[in-house]
C-alpha cells in the first residue's frame, strides 16, 4: 500500500478544486475543521485515512452526476488532507 503523502500526491481532481484546497490549507484550524469533518482529533496519519474515505465518497458523488455532490464539502476535505499531510511531514521529518 502506498503511503499517505504519496496517495495525496497522486490524487487527480479538477484543477480549480486542488488550487483552492492548497490556498485553504494555509488557514486550516485542526481543532475546528477536523472535528467538524470526522468528529474527533486523531493523529495526522489516522485522520488522513478517514479523510481519504470521505474524499472517495465525495468524489464518487461528483462523478456519478446524481445531484448529491456539494463542492464546499469536497473542498473542506481536500483542505484537511493537505494540511494533515503537512503536519504529518513535520512530525516525521
Protein backbone atom coordinates (compact mmCIF):
# COMPACT_ATOMS: atom_id res chain seq x y z
CA UNK A 1 0.00 0.00 0.00
CA UNK A 2 1.30 3.44 -0.87
CA UNK A 3 1.98 5.86 1.93
CA UNK A 4 -0.48 8.63 2.69
CA UNK A 5 1.50 11.51 1.24
CA UNK A 6 2.11 9.58 -1.98
CA UNK A 7 -1.59 8.81 -2.20
CA UNK A 8 -2.36 12.51 -1.81
CA UNK A 9 0.23 13.48 -4.42
CA UNK A 10 -1.28 11.04 -6.91
CA UNK A 11 -4.83 12.28 -6.38
CA UNK A 12 -6.20 13.79 -9.59
CA UNK A 13 -9.07 16.20 -9.14
CA UNK A 14 -10.21 19.29 -11.06
CA UNK A 15 -7.53 21.96 -11.01
CA UNK A 16 -9.79 24.62 -9.55
CA UNK A 17 -10.60 22.32 -6.63
CA UNK A 18 -6.98 21.42 -5.89
CA UNK A 19 -5.78 25.03 -6.21
CA UNK A 20 -8.49 26.25 -3.85
CA UNK A 21 -7.63 23.48 -1.39
CA UNK A 22 -3.93 24.41 -1.41
CA UNK A 23 -4.81 28.02 -0.62
CA UNK A 24 -7.34 26.98 2.03
CA UNK A 25 -4.86 24.70 3.78
CA UNK A 26 -2.95 27.78 4.94
CA UNK A 27 -5.89 28.79 7.17
CA UNK A 28 -6.72 25.26 8.36
CA UNK A 29 -7.60 25.07 12.04
CA UNK A 30 -7.27 21.45 13.09
CA UNK A 31 -9.50 21.66 16.16
CA UNK A 32 -12.28 23.45 14.33
CA UNK A 33 -12.09 21.76 10.94
CA UNK A 34 -11.14 18.18 11.73
CA UNK A 35 -13.74 17.82 14.47
CA UNK A 36 -16.39 19.14 12.08
CA UNK A 37 -15.34 16.65 9.39
CA UNK A 38 -14.69 13.45 11.34
CA UNK A 39 -15.91 14.18 14.87
CA UNK A 40 -12.64 13.81 16.79
CA UNK A 41 -8.92 14.66 16.79
CA UNK A 42 -6.80 11.61 15.95
CA UNK A 43 -3.15 11.86 15.00
CA UNK A 44 -2.48 13.00 11.44
CA UNK A 45 -1.99 9.54 9.91
CA UNK A 46 -5.28 8.06 11.15
CA UNK A 47 -7.02 11.35 10.37
CA UNK A 48 -5.81 11.18 6.78
CA UNK A 49 -7.13 7.63 6.40
CA UNK A 50 -10.59 8.79 7.50
CA UNK A 51 -10.37 11.87 5.30
CA UNK A 52 -9.44 9.73 2.27
CA UNK A 53 -12.55 7.63 2.89
CA UNK A 54 -14.68 10.79 2.94
CA UNK A 55 -12.93 12.15 -0.13
CA UNK A 56 -13.57 8.91 -2.04
CA UNK A 57 -17.30 9.20 -1.30
CA UNK A 58 -17.39 12.88 -2.26
CA UNK A 59 -15.51 12.26 -5.48
CA UNK A 60 -17.88 9.43 -6.37
CA UNK A 61 -20.80 11.82 -5.86
CA UNK A 62 -19.01 14.36 -8.07
CA UNK A 63 -18.50 11.93 -10.92
CA UNK A 64 -21.78 9.99 -10.80
CA UNK A 65 -23.96 13.02 -11.54
CA UNK A 66 -26.76 12.13 -9.12
CA UNK A 67 -27.04 15.65 -7.74
CA UNK A 68 -25.83 14.83 -4.23
CA UNK A 69 -22.41 16.44 -4.73
CA UNK A 70 -21.56 19.51 -2.67
CA UNK A 71 -18.33 21.23 -3.80
CA UNK A 72 -17.82 23.08 -0.47
CA UNK A 73 -17.81 19.76 1.39
CA UNK A 74 -15.30 18.28 -1.05
CA UNK A 75 -13.13 21.36 -0.75
CA UNK A 76 -13.17 21.16 3.06
CA UNK A 77 -11.98 17.55 2.98
CA UNK A 78 -9.22 18.31 0.47
CA UNK A 79 -8.08 21.26 2.59
CA UNK A 80 -7.90 18.99 5.63
CA UNK A 81 -5.99 16.31 3.69
CA UNK A 82 -3.38 18.79 2.51
CA UNK A 83 -3.00 20.36 5.95
CA UNK A 84 -2.80 16.99 7.71
CA UNK A 85 -0.14 15.85 5.23
CA UNK A 86 1.87 18.94 6.09
CA UNK A 87 1.52 18.17 9.80
CA UNK A 88 2.49 14.56 9.22
CA UNK A 89 5.59 15.73 7.36
CA UNK A 90 6.53 17.98 10.28
CA UNK A 91 6.04 15.11 12.75
CA UNK A 92 8.13 12.61 10.79
CA UNK A 93 10.63 14.94 9.17
